Amino acid sequence: MSDKKMTSSRRHHLKSLVLQIAFELIEVEKKEAVQEKANFMAELPALDLSGDQTALVEMLKKLAQSIDKVDEERYDAESKVTKADKEIEDLRMKVVEIQGMKKPALKKVRMSADAMLQALLGTKHKASMDFRANLKEVKKEVKEEVGICVETYKAENHSTRVLCPKCVLSFVERISYFIFDPLFVTS
């Protein structure tokens, strides 16, 4: 295609031609609408205006009843449509619940926690994400309870039946204490 631009006078001339054609088409449509109306009125029977007032009132009552009937049908149709729309929306929600929300893939951030805090808070605030510095040191306590050896973290394991030697010794001492205890002995 060529890169020639249309001059403003040519553009104006084409625009006026398009508007003139559109105006002519609108005029033709108006004439056709008038002709259709005249044809329709010619097909209808002539109005019977010879009736008295009671006949006119009866005719108006019939028209009112037919209007009410059509209005009820319209209302029923609208209620069916709204009910169907609600059911469709409920089904869409169920589909979303069943499928679940797709989690977006997380992008790898090449920034340390301290750098992120500094970027969020700015340079005025100093915050540290070094959580290891805030941790307390926990000392191991050696407890002697029935069947537990805290040093090796092996107890009377019922699944493997493993006892460490220290547990066995302390367990034997406890048994001998209970057996030879004068209060424990029963007669």
C-alpha atoms as a PDB file:
ATOM      1  CA  MET A   1       0.000   0.000   0.000  1.00  0.00           C
ATOM      2  CA  SER A   2       1.107   3.502  -0.605  1.00  0.00           C
ATOM      3  CA  ASP A   3       1.607   5.938   2.211  1.00  0.00           C
ATOM      4  CA  LYS A   4      -0.284   8.740   0.457  1.00  0.00           C
ATOM      5  CA  LYS A   5      -2.596  10.665   2.726  1.00  0.00           C
ATOM      6  CA  MET A   6      -5.999  11.859   1.653  1.00  0.00           C
ATOM      7  CA  THR A   7      -6.387  15.613   1.354  1.00  0.00           C
ATOM      8  CA  SER A   8      -8.873  17.336   3.605  1.00  0.00           C
ATOM      9  CA  SER A   9     -11.018  18.510   0.652  1.00  0.00           C
ATOM     10  CA  ARG A  10     -11.295  14.942  -0.700  1.00  0.00           C
ATOM     11  CA  ARG A  11     -12.125  13.622   2.767  1.00  0.00           C
ATOM     12  CA  HIS A  12     -14.807  16.312   3.185  1.00  0.00           C
ATOM     13  CA  HIS A  13     -16.276  15.498  -0.258  1.00  0.00           C
ATOM     14  CA  LEU A  14     -16.470  11.743   0.545  1.00  0.00           C
ATOM     15  CA  LYS A  15     -18.042  12.450   3.920  1.00  0.00           C
ATOM     16  CA  SER A  16     -20.736  14.628   2.335  1.00  0.00           C
ATOM     17  CA  LEU A  17     -21.477  11.900  -0.260  1.00  0.00           C
ATOM     18  CA  VAL A  18     -21.881   9.256   2.474  1.00  0.00           C
ATOM     19  CA  LEU A  19     -24.211  11.551   4.452  1.00  0.00           C
ATOM     20  CA  GLN A  20     -26.296  12.300   1.336  1.00  0.00           C
ATOM     21  CA  ILE A  21     -26.725   8.579   0.565  1.00  0.00           C
ATOM     22  CA  ALA A  22     -27.670   7.869   4.198  1.00  0.00           C
ATOM     23  CA  PHE A  23     -30.248  10.694   4.136  1.00  0.00           C
ATOM     24  CA  GLU A  24     -31.821   9.255   0.965  1.00  0.00           C
ATOM     25  CA  LEU A  25     -32.008   5.781   2.538  1.00  0.00           C
ATOM     26  CA  ILE A  26     -33.718   7.191   5.639  1.00  0.00           C
ATOM     27  CA  GLU A  27     -36.294   8.960   3.464  1.00  0.00           C
ATOM     28  CA  VAL A  28     -37.025   5.702   1.601  1.00  0.00           C
ATOM     29  CA  GLU A  29     -37.478   3.858   4.919  1.00  0.00           C
ATOM     30  CA  LYS A  30     -39.916   6.523   6.175  1.00  0.00           C
ATOM     31  CA  LYS A  31     -41.994   6.235   2.975  1.00  0.00           C
ATOM     32  CA  GLU A  32     -42.039   2.424   3.303  1.00  0.00           C
ATOM     33  CA  ALA A  33     -43.190   2.660   6.942  1.00  0.00           C
ATOM     34  CA  VAL A  34     -46.059   4.993   5.961  1.00  0.00           C
ATOM     35  CA  GLN A  35     -47.044   2.640   3.124  1.00  0.00           C
ATOM     36  CA  GLU A  36     -46.986  -0.413   5.463  1.00  0.00           C
ATOM     37  CA  LYS A  37     -49.188   1.412   7.968  1.00  0.00           C
ATOM     38  CA  ALA A  38     -51.694   2.322   5.245  1.00  0.00           C
ATOM     39  CA  ASN A  39     -51.768  -1.280   3.972  1.00  0.00           C
ATOM     40  CA  PHE A  40     -52.326  -2.630   7.497  1.00  0.00           C
ATOM     41  CA  MET A  41     -55.162  -0.185   8.196  1.00  0.00           C
ATOM     42  CA  ALA A  42     -56.797  -1.143   4.885  1.00  0.00           C
ATOM     43  CA  GLU A  43     -56.804  -4.835   5.874  1.00  0.00           C
ATOM     44  CA  LEU A  44     -58.628  -4.172   9.163  1.00  0.00           C
ATOM     45  CA  PRO A  45     -62.430  -4.139   9.180  1.00  0.00           C
ATOM     46  CA  ALA A  46     -64.133  -0.803   9.701  1.00  0.00           C
ATOM     47  CA  LEU A  47     -64.875   0.254  13.260  1.00  0.00           C
ATOM     48  CA  ASP A  48     -68.366  -0.474  14.501  1.00  0.00           C
ATOM     49  CA  LEU A  49     -69.373   2.686  16.335  1.00  0.00           C
ATOM     50  CA  SER A  50     -73.081   1.925  16.395  1.00  0.00           C
ATOM     51  CA  GLY A  51     -73.067   0.285  19.878  1.00  0.00           C
ATOM     52  CA  ASP A  52     -74.422   1.908  23.023  1.00  0.00           C
ATOM     53  CA  GLN A  53     -72.502   2.791  26.161  1.00  0.00           C
ATOM     54  CA  THR A  54     -73.005  -0.596  27.891  1.00  0.00           C
ATOM     55  CA  ALA A  55     -71.497  -2.439  24.916  1.00  0.00           C
ATOM     56  CA  LEU A  56     -68.544  -0.066  25.016  1.00  0.00           C
ATOM     57  CA  VAL A  57     -68.068  -0.690  28.765  1.00  0.00           C
ATOM     58  CA  GLU A  58     -68.187  -4.471  28.181  1.00  0.00           C
ATOM     59  CA  MET A  59     -65.594  -4.175  25.439  1.00  0.00           C
ATOM     60  CA  LEU A  60     -63.315  -2.149  27.748  1.00  0.00           C
ATOM     61  CA  LYS A  61     -63.699  -4.765  30.514  1.00  0.00           C
ATOM     62  CA  LYS A  62     -62.692  -7.527  28.090  1.00  0.00           C
ATOM     63  CA  LEU A  63     -59.677  -5.497  26.999  1.00  0.00           C
ATOM     64  CA  ALA A  64     -58.693  -4.899  30.640  1.00  0.00           C
ATOM     65  CA  GLN A  65     -58.975  -8.633  31.387  1.00  0.00           C
ATOM     66  CA  SER A  66     -56.837  -9.524  28.382  1.00  0.00           C
ATOM     67  CA  ILE A  67     -54.271  -6.912  29.435  1.00  0.00           C
ATOM     68  CA  ASP A  68     -54.185  -8.394  32.963  1.00  0.00           C
ATOM     69  CA  LYS A  69     -53.769 -11.900  31.558  1.00  0.00           C
ATOM     70  CA  VAL A  70     -50.879 -10.835  29.310  1.00  0.00           C
ATOM     71  CA  ASP A  71     -49.274  -8.978  32.232  1.00  0.00           C
ATOM     72  CA  GLU A  72     -49.491 -12.103  34.436  1.00  0.00           C
ATOM     73  CA  GLU A  73     -47.912 -14.208  31.695  1.00  0.00           C
ATOM     74  CA  ARG A  74     -45.128 -11.648  31.315  1.00  0.00           C
ATOM     75  CA  TYR A  75     -44.516 -11.679  35.085  1.00  0.00           C
ATOM     76  CA  ASP A  76     -44.436 -15.503  35.132  1.00  0.00           C
ATOM     77  CA  ALA A  77     -41.968 -15.549  32.242  1.00  0.00           C
ATOM     78  CA  GLU A  78     -39.748 -12.983  33.990  1.00  0.00           C
ATOM     79  CA  SER A  79     -39.785 -14.987  37.223  1.00  0.00           C
ATOM     80  CA  LYS A  80     -38.807 -18.158  35.331  1.00  0.00           C
ATOM     81  CA  VAL A  81     -35.953 -16.324  33.636  1.00  0.00           C
ATOM     82  CA  THR A  82     -34.642 -14.853  36.910  1.00  0.00           C
ATOM     83  CA  LYS A  83     -34.895 -18.261  38.598  1.00  0.00           C
ATOM     84  CA  ALA A  84     -32.976 -19.877  35.733  1.00  0.00           C
ATOM     85  CA  ASP A  85     -30.335 -17.124  35.892  1.00  0.00           C
ATOM     86  CA  LYS A  86     -29.909 -17.706  39.624  1.00  0.00           C
ATOM     87  CA  GLU A  87     -29.551 -21.467  39.101  1.00  0.00           C
ATOM     88  CA  ILE A  88     -26.959 -20.861  36.391  1.00  0.00           C
ATOM     89  CA  GLU A  89     -24.990 -18.576  38.695  1.00  0.00           C
ATOM     90  CA  ASP A  90     -25.153 -21.137  41.529  1.00  0.00           C
ATOM     91  CA  LEU A  91     -23.902 -23.855  39.201  1.00  0.00           C
ATOM     92  CA  ARG A  92     -21.054 -21.617  38.055  1.00  0.00           C
ATOM     93  CA  MET A  93     -20.082 -21.028  41.689  1.00  0.00           C
ATOM     94  CA  LYS A  94     -20.139 -24.793  42.342  1.00  0.00           C
ATOM     95  CA  VAL A  95     -17.914 -25.383  39.320  1.00  0.00           C
ATOM     96  CA  VAL A  96     -15.452 -22.796  40.616  1.00  0.00           C
ATOM     97  CA  GLU A  97     -15.499 -24.429  44.066  1.00  0.00           C
ATOM     98  CA  ILE A  98     -14.919 -27.880  42.598  1.00  0.00           C
ATOM     99  CA  GLN A  99     -12.104 -26.744  40.329  1.00  0.00           C
ATOM    100  CA  GLY A 100     -10.566 -24.601  43.019  1.00  0.00           C
ATOM    101  CA  MET A 101      -8.625 -21.460  42.528  1.00  0.00           C
ATOM    102  CA  LYS A 102      -5.473 -21.949  40.522  1.00  0.00           C
ATOM    103  CA  LYS A 103      -2.541 -20.614  42.450  1.00  0.00           C
ATOM    104  CA  PRO A 104      -0.220 -18.535  40.330  1.00  0.00           C
ATOM    105  CA  ALA A 105       3.350 -19.696  40.061  1.00  0.00           C
ATOM    106  CA  LEU A 106       5.494 -17.786  42.493  1.00  0.00           C
ATOM    107  CA  LYS A 107       8.444 -15.962  41.069  1.00  0.00           C
ATOM    108  CA  LYS A 108      11.807 -16.358  42.675  1.00  0.00           C
ATOM    109  CA  VAL A 109      12.882 -13.231  44.500  1.00  0.00           C
ATOM    110  CA  ARG A 110      16.594 -12.579  44.512  1.00  0.00           C
ATOM    111  CA  MET A 111      16.547 -10.400  47.558  1.00  0.00           C
ATOM    112  CA  SER A 112      17.310 -11.168  51.170  1.00  0.00           C
ATOM    113  CA  ALA A 113      14.770 -10.558  53.897  1.00  0.00           C
ATOM    114  CA  ASP A 114      16.760  -7.593  55.209  1.00  0.00           C
ATOM    115  CA  ALA A 115      16.898  -6.041  51.728  1.00  0.00           C
ATOM    116  CA  MET A 116      13.122  -6.473  51.361  1.00  0.00           C
ATOM    117  CA  LEU A 117      12.482  -4.779  54.693  1.00  0.00           C
ATOM    118  CA  GLN A 118      14.789  -1.951  53.766  1.00  0.00           C
ATOM    119  CA  ALA A 119      13.011  -1.533  50.421  1.00  0.00           C
ATOM    120  CA  LEU A 120       9.593  -1.515  52.101  1.00  0.00           C
ATOM    121  CA  LEU A 121      10.407   0.651  55.101  1.00  0.00           C
ATOM    122  CA  GLY A 122      12.972   2.907  53.522  1.00  0.00           C
ATOM    123  CA  THR A 123      16.414   3.883  54.726  1.00  0.00           C
ATOM    124  CA  LYS A 124      15.236   5.770  57.829  1.00  0.00           C
ATOM    125  CA  HIS A 125      13.968   2.656  59.633  1.00  0.00           C
ATOM    126  CA  LYS A 126      16.330  -0.063  60.698  1.00  0.00           C
ATOM    127  CA  ALA A 127      14.827  -3.495  61.005  1.00  0.00           C
ATOM    128  CA  SER A 128      16.530  -6.831  61.053  1.00  0.00           C
ATOM    129  CA  MET A 129      15.219 -10.178  59.938  1.00  0.00           C
ATOM    130  CA  ASP A 130      17.968 -12.127  61.697  1.00  0.00           C
ATOM    131  CA  PHE A 131      15.716 -14.368  63.748  1.00  0.00           C
ATOM    132  CA  ARG A 132      18.561 -16.627  64.832  1.00  0.00           C
ATOM    133  CA  ALA A 133      20.012 -13.843  66.959  1.00  0.00           C
ATOM    134  CA  ASN A 134      16.765 -13.601  68.922  1.00  0.00           C
ATOM    135  CA  LEU A 135      16.617 -17.315  69.738  1.00  0.00           C
ATOM    136  CA  LYS A 136      17.338 -18.505  73.257  1.00  0.00           C
ATOM    137  CA  GLU A 137      19.790 -21.279  73.920  1.00  0.00           C
ATOM    138  CA  VAL A 138      18.214 -24.367  75.387  1.00  0.00           C
ATOM    139  CA  LYS A 139      20.324 -26.598  77.597  1.00  0.00           C
ATOM    140  CA  LYS A 140      19.757 -30.322  77.632  1.00  0.00           C
ATOM    141  CA  GLU A 141      18.536 -31.643  80.938  1.00  0.00           C
ATOM    142  CA  VAL A 142      19.150 -35.196  81.881  1.00  0.00           C
ATOM    143  CA  LYS A 143      16.008 -36.619  83.413  1.00  0.00           C
ATOM    144  CA  GLU A 144      15.655 -40.063  84.780  1.00  0.00           C
ATOM    145  CA  GLU A 145      12.156 -41.307  84.440  1.00  0.00           C
ATOM    146  CA  VAL A 146      10.895 -44.799  84.029  1.00  0.00           C
ATOM    147  CA  GLY A 147      12.098 -46.086  80.689  1.00  0.00           C
ATOM    148  CA  ILE A 148      13.362 -42.748  79.301  1.00  0.00           C
ATOM    149  CA  CYS A 149      16.946 -41.873  78.570  1.00  0.00           C
ATOM    150  CA  VAL A 150      17.092 -38.218  77.564  1.00  0.00           C
ATOM    151  CA  GLU A 151      20.738 -38.272  76.540  1.00  0.00           C
ATOM    152  CA  THR A 152      20.266 -40.670  73.661  1.00  0.00           C
ATOM    153  CA  TYR A 153      16.579 -39.886  73.050  1.00  0.00           C
ATOM    154  CA  LYS A 154      15.808 -43.583  72.912  1.00  0.00           C
ATOM    155  CA  ALA A 155      13.132 -44.849  75.184  1.00  0.00           C
ATOM    156  CA  GLU A 156      11.338 -48.074  75.650  1.00  0.00           C
ATOM    157  CA  ASN A 157      10.306 -48.039  72.049  1.00  0.00           C
ATOM    158  CA  HIS A 158       7.393 -50.404  71.708  1.00  0.00           C
ATOM    159  CA  SER A 159       7.701 -50.595  67.940  1.00  0.00           C
ATOM    160  CA  THR A 160      11.383 -51.616  67.790  1.00  0.00           C
ATOM    161  CA  ARG A 161      11.944 -52.783  71.389  1.00  0.00           C
ATOM    162  CA  VAL A 162      15.236 -50.893  71.580  1.00  0.00           C
ATOM    163  CA  LEU A 163      16.757 -49.867  74.899  1.00  0.00           C
ATOM    164  CA  CYS A 164      20.027 -48.067  75.365  1.00  0.00           C
ATOM    165  CA  PRO A 165      22.453 -49.593  77.923  1.00  0.00           C
ATOM    166  CA  LYS A 166      22.046 -46.736  80.374  1.00  0.00           C
ATOM    167  CA  CYS A 167      18.255 -47.182  80.297  1.00  0.00           C
ATOM    168  CA  VAL A 168      18.635 -50.887  80.969  1.00  0.00           C
ATOM    169  CA  LEU A 169      20.849 -50.226  83.994  1.00  0.00           C
ATOM    170  CA  SER A 170      18.545 -47.603  85.462  1.00  0.00           C
ATOM    171  CA  PHE A 171      15.554 -49.838  84.785  1.00  0.00           C
ATOM    172  CA  VAL A 172      17.224 -52.771  86.609  1.00  0.00           C
ATOM    173  CA  GLU A 173      17.997 -50.497  89.571  1.00  0.00           C
ATOM    174  CA  ARG A 174      14.358 -49.408  89.779  1.00  0.00           C
ATOM    175  CA  ILE A 175      13.093 -52.968  89.609  1.00  0.00           C
ATOM    176  CA  SER A 176      15.456 -54.092  92.338  1.00  0.00           C
ATOM    177  CA  TYR A 177      14.389 -51.121  94.442  1.00  0.00           C
ATOM    178  CA  PHE A 178      10.721 -52.052  94.138  1.00  0.00           C
ATOM    179  CA  ILE A 179      11.324 -55.730  94.779  1.00  0.00           C
ATOM    180  CA  PHE A 180      13.443 -55.236  97.878  1.00  0.00           C
ATOM    181  CA  ASP A 181      11.475 -52.274  99.263  1.00  0.00           C
ATOM    182  CA  PRO A 182       9.863 -53.326 102.564  1.00  0.00           C
ATOM    183  CA  LEU A 183       6.782 -51.162 101.871  1.00  0.00           C
ATOM    184  CA  PHE A 184       6.327 -52.721  98.453  1.00  0.00           C
ATOM    185  CA  VAL A 185       6.507 -56.332  99.623  1.00  0.00           C
ATOM    186  CA  THR A 186       3.091 -57.897  99.968  1.00  0.00           C
ATOM    187  CA  SER A 187       2.371 -60.841 102.174  1.00  0.00           C
END
